Protein backbone atom coordinates (compact mmCIF):
# COMPACT_ATOMS: atom_id res chain seq x y z
CA MET A 1 0.02 0.22 0.19
CA SER A 2 1.56 3.71 -0.89
CA ALA A 3 1.92 5.98 1.91
CA ARG A 4 1.42 8.95 -0.11
CA ARG A 5 -2.30 10.34 0.05
CA ALA A 6 -4.69 10.19 -2.87
CA PHE A 7 -4.47 13.94 -4.13
CA LEU A 8 -8.40 13.25 -5.11
CA SER A 9 -9.14 12.77 -1.15
CA LEU A 10 -8.51 16.57 -0.22
CA SER A 11 -11.62 18.76 -0.63
CA LEU A 12 -11.28 21.68 -3.25
CA GLU A 13 -10.78 23.86 -0.35
CA GLU A 14 -8.29 21.38 1.74
CA ALA A 15 -6.02 20.99 -1.61
CA ARG A 16 -5.76 25.11 -2.12
CA SER A 17 -4.70 25.39 1.37
CA GLU A 18 -2.28 22.85 0.81
CA LEU A 19 -0.81 24.47 -2.30
CA SER A 20 -0.91 27.82 -0.46
CA ALA A 21 1.33 26.59 2.38
CA ARG A 22 3.81 25.22 -0.45
CA GLY A 23 4.03 28.70 -1.49
CA PHE A 24 2.09 28.64 -4.85
CA ARG A 25 -1.14 30.21 -5.99
CA PRO A 26 -4.41 28.30 -4.94
CA VAL A 27 -5.80 28.48 -8.15
CA TRP A 28 -3.87 25.90 -9.71
CA ALA A 29 -5.15 23.46 -6.67
CA ASP A 30 -8.53 23.99 -9.26
CA ARG A 31 -6.46 23.40 -12.23
CA LEU A 32 -4.66 20.04 -10.83
CA ARG A 33 -8.30 18.58 -10.08
CA ARG A 34 -9.48 19.49 -13.25
CA THR A 35 -6.68 18.05 -15.15
CA LEU A 36 -6.79 14.74 -12.77
CA LEU A 37 -10.99 14.43 -13.44
CA ALA A 38 -10.55 14.84 -17.28
CA GLY A 39 -8.28 11.80 -17.22
CA GLU A 40 -4.79 13.40 -17.47
CA LEU A 41 -1.97 13.30 -15.03
CA PRO A 42 -0.29 16.31 -14.23
CA VAL A 43 2.95 15.35 -15.78
CA GLU A 44 1.18 15.01 -19.04
CA ALA A 45 0.03 18.69 -18.96
CA ALA A 46 3.01 19.90 -17.52
CA LYS A 47 4.83 20.36 -20.92
CA PRO A 48 6.54 23.58 -22.46
CA GLY A 49 3.63 26.28 -22.65
CA ALA A 50 1.24 24.76 -20.26
CA ALA A 51 0.20 26.69 -17.47
CA LEU A 52 0.78 24.06 -14.31
CA PRO A 53 4.27 25.37 -12.71
CA ARG A 54 6.88 22.68 -12.88
CA ALA A 55 8.19 23.10 -9.74
CA LEU A 56 4.69 22.51 -8.22
CA LEU A 57 4.81 18.54 -9.02
CA PRO A 58 7.69 17.01 -7.53
CA GLN A 59 6.65 18.67 -4.14
CA LEU A 60 3.96 16.97 -4.37
CA GLU A 61 4.61 14.19 -5.57
CA ALA A 62 6.57 13.03 -2.73
CA ASP A 63 3.47 13.23 -0.49
CA TYR A 64 0.46 12.15 -2.78
CA SER A 65 -0.26 10.19 -5.77
CA TRP A 66 -2.21 11.16 -8.92
CA LEU A 67 -4.53 8.07 -9.13
CA SER A 68 -4.37 5.94 -6.15
CA LEU A 69 -6.24 3.13 -8.11
CA GLN A 70 -4.11 0.96 -10.70
CA GLU A 71 -5.08 -0.74 -13.86
CA THR A 72 -4.61 -4.47 -14.07
CA ALA A 73 -6.15 -5.69 -16.60
CA GLN A 74 -8.68 -4.41 -19.57
CA SER A 75 -11.07 -6.53 -21.77
CA ARG A 76 -13.04 -5.23 -25.01
CA ALA A 77 -16.58 -6.28 -26.00
CA GLU A 78 -17.40 -6.79 -29.82
CA ASP A 79 -19.71 -3.56 -28.88
CA GLY A 80 -16.99 -1.18 -28.05
CA ALA A 81 -17.75 -1.41 -24.48
CA VAL A 82 -14.32 -1.32 -22.71
CA LYS A 83 -13.87 -3.04 -19.01
CA HIS A 84 -11.07 -1.99 -16.65
CA LEU A 85 -10.27 -3.80 -13.59
CA LEU A 86 -8.81 -1.22 -11.13
CA GLU A 87 -6.68 -2.28 -8.17
CA LEU A 88 -7.38 -0.05 -4.97
CA ALA A 89 -4.37 1.09 -2.68
CA ASP A 90 -5.73 -1.46 -0.51
CA GLY A 91 -5.56 -4.28 -2.77
CA GLU A 92 -9.11 -4.66 -3.34
CA ALA A 93 -10.52 -4.30 -6.93
CA VAL A 94 -13.39 -2.73 -8.89
CA GLU A 95 -14.59 -2.72 -12.48
CA ALA A 96 -15.59 0.23 -14.52
CA VAL A 97 -17.05 -0.11 -17.87
CA ARG A 98 -16.77 2.80 -20.88
CA LEU A 99 -19.79 2.27 -22.60
CA PRO A 100 -20.07 3.34 -26.24
CA GLY A 101 -22.81 5.83 -27.16
CA SER A 102 -23.83 7.72 -30.03
CA GLY A 103 -22.16 11.27 -28.93
CA ALA A 104 -22.82 10.65 -25.34
CA PRO A 105 -20.18 7.72 -24.08
CA SER A 106 -20.80 6.76 -20.76
CA ALA A 107 -18.88 5.57 -17.71
CA CYS A 108 -20.30 2.43 -15.64
CA LEU A 109 -18.71 2.53 -12.03
CA SER A 110 -18.97 0.25 -9.15
CA SER A 111 -20.30 2.18 -5.83
CA GLN A 112 -19.14 -0.67 -3.72
CA VAL A 113 -16.32 -3.80 -3.84
CA GLY A 114 -18.58 -6.84 -3.93
CA CYS A 115 -22.36 -6.35 -2.64
CA ALA A 116 -24.02 -7.27 0.51
CA VAL A 117 -27.54 -7.59 -1.75
CA GLY A 118 -27.31 -10.90 -2.73
CA CYS A 119 -29.29 -10.90 -6.07
CA ARG A 120 -28.97 -14.65 -7.33
CA PHE A 121 -28.97 -13.10 -10.78
CA CYS A 122 -25.97 -11.23 -10.20
CA ALA A 123 -22.36 -12.25 -9.47
CA SER A 124 -21.40 -8.72 -7.77
CA GLY A 125 -22.49 -10.63 -3.93
CA LEU A 126 -21.46 -13.95 -4.91
CA GLU A 127 -18.60 -13.44 -2.10
CA GLY A 128 -20.70 -10.49 0.18
CA GLY A 129 -20.10 -7.16 0.35
CA GLN A 130 -16.36 -6.48 1.23
CA ARG A 131 -16.37 -2.46 1.25
CA ASN A 132 -17.64 0.86 0.56
CA PRO A 133 -15.31 2.75 -1.85
CA LEU A 134 -14.59 6.65 -0.77
CA ALA A 135 -15.09 9.41 -3.20
CA HIS A 136 -12.12 9.78 -4.38
CA GLU A 137 -11.95 5.97 -5.75
CA LEU A 138 -15.07 6.68 -7.07
CA LEU A 139 -13.81 9.64 -9.22
CA GLU A 140 -10.67 7.92 -10.03
CA GLN A 141 -13.03 5.40 -11.99
CA VAL A 142 -13.54 7.89 -13.99
CA ALA A 143 -10.36 9.82 -14.65
CA TRP A 144 -9.26 6.17 -15.70
CA LEU A 145 -11.98 5.69 -18.11
CA ARG A 146 -11.39 9.28 -19.42
CA ARG A 147 -7.90 8.12 -19.97
CA ALA A 148 -9.24 5.13 -22.48
CA GLY A 149 -11.72 8.09 -24.52
CA GLU A 150 -14.27 10.37 -23.25
CA VAL A 151 -17.23 10.01 -20.76
CA ARG A 152 -19.74 12.62 -21.06
CA ARG A 153 -22.49 10.51 -18.57
CA LEU A 154 -22.40 8.60 -15.76
CA VAL A 155 -24.51 5.52 -14.71
CA LEU A 156 -23.86 3.89 -11.29
CA MET A 157 -24.60 0.40 -12.39
CA GLY A 158 -21.40 -1.94 -11.76
CA ALA A 159 -20.74 -3.97 -8.90
CA GLY A 160 -22.58 -2.61 -5.29
CA GLU A 161 -25.89 -1.23 -4.48
CA PRO A 162 -25.16 2.40 -4.48
CA THR A 163 -27.40 3.12 -1.68
CA HIS A 164 -25.47 1.52 1.01
CA ASN A 165 -22.66 3.82 -0.19
CA LEU A 166 -24.91 6.90 -0.99
CA ARG A 167 -22.81 9.45 1.36
CA GLU A 168 -19.61 8.78 -0.42
CA VAL A 169 -21.55 8.55 -3.84
CA ALA A 170 -23.15 11.64 -3.55
CA ARG A 171 -19.67 12.99 -2.41
CA ALA A 172 -18.26 11.89 -5.82
CA LEU A 173 -21.03 13.26 -7.79
CA ASP A 174 -20.99 16.36 -6.58
CA VAL A 175 -17.41 17.03 -7.47
CA LEU A 176 -17.89 15.49 -11.00
CA ARG A 177 -20.87 18.41 -11.35
CA THR A 178 -18.85 21.23 -9.98
CA GLU A 179 -15.42 20.11 -11.38
CA GLY A 180 -15.75 17.05 -13.45
CA GLY A 181 -18.62 18.33 -16.50
CA ILE A 182 -20.98 15.44 -15.34
CA GLY A 183 -24.20 17.24 -13.85
CA PRO A 184 -27.07 15.47 -12.93
CA ARG A 185 -29.12 15.26 -15.12
CA HIS A 186 -26.17 13.18 -16.95
CA VAL A 187 -26.23 11.07 -14.00
CA LEU A 188 -28.19 7.64 -13.73
CA ILE A 189 -28.36 5.72 -10.46
CA SER A 190 -29.61 2.18 -10.62
CA THR A 191 -30.71 0.37 -7.11
CA VAL A 192 -33.00 -2.21 -6.12
CA GLY A 193 -35.06 -0.31 -3.54
CA PRO A 194 -36.47 -1.03 -1.11
CA PRO A 195 -38.68 2.36 -0.93
CA ALA A 196 -36.50 3.27 2.12
CA ALA A 197 -33.45 3.54 -0.49
CA ILE A 198 -35.13 5.41 -2.71
CA ARG A 199 -36.07 7.97 -0.51
CA ARG A 200 -32.71 8.24 0.34
CA ILE A 201 -31.73 9.01 -2.97
CA THR A 202 -34.41 11.59 -3.57
CA GLN A 203 -33.63 13.50 -0.26
CA LEU A 204 -30.22 14.14 -2.11
CA GLY A 205 -32.11 17.05 -4.03
CA ARG A 206 -30.25 16.14 -7.24
CA LYS A 207 -32.12 15.85 -10.61
CA PHE A 208 -31.01 12.27 -11.38
CA THR A 209 -32.39 9.37 -13.20
CA LEU A 210 -33.27 6.70 -11.06
CA ALA A 211 -33.17 2.86 -12.89
CA LEU A 212 -34.90 0.66 -10.15
CA SER A 213 -33.88 -3.30 -10.81
CA LEU A 214 -37.52 -5.54 -10.17
CA HIS A 215 -36.84 -9.15 -9.84
CA ALA A 216 -37.94 -12.16 -8.68
C-alpha cells in the first residue's frame, strides 16, 4: 500500500490550502483537480507552454499520488464497451466500464467492492460486500475511463448497491457536477430498492435519473 495520500481525497478547499502552504497560488489546485478528472496526469499536462508550474509537481508527488487506483486488466467487447479492472490501494479491486454511445459515451462505475444484497442473478454479490469505496476512489474510476476516451454520462450500475454507499457516492457526484463536467441530468443511479433506499436518493435533492431493478 502506498504511504502517499491520493490527491483527489482532498477537498477543493483542502487542496487550495495545501498549495498555498507550499508557496503556490491556490488556483493551481483547481487546475490540478480538473486535469485529473479529465483523465490526464499533471506530468502529462506540464509541458512547455502549459499552465501548471513545473516546480509544483515534484513537491506534491513526494506526498501525494495522482491516481491511487491502478489498472491491472482491460477487456473489450464486440459492441465497443471497454472494461477496466482497477486495483485499490488496499489490494481490493473494482470494475469500471466505458460504454459507447451515439455522441455521449458513458462511464459505468462500481459503487462498492462486492455487494451485500445478494441478488441471485448477479455475480457481484457472490462473496458478499467487502467495503465501500471512498469518494476519491469513485472519482478515480472516471479518471481511468477518461484516459481511454471521452466520458459525458455516468451510470452507477456496476458492482454494489449505490444506496449502501450513498454518502460517498453523493460526494463524488457533487465533485463531478462542479469540476468534472457531468451534471445530475447526465447521471443514472440504479438500485434494487427498497422504498426507503429510493427516498434516500430523492432526499439528496439532485435531478438524477433513477433505474429500479425489479426481480423475483
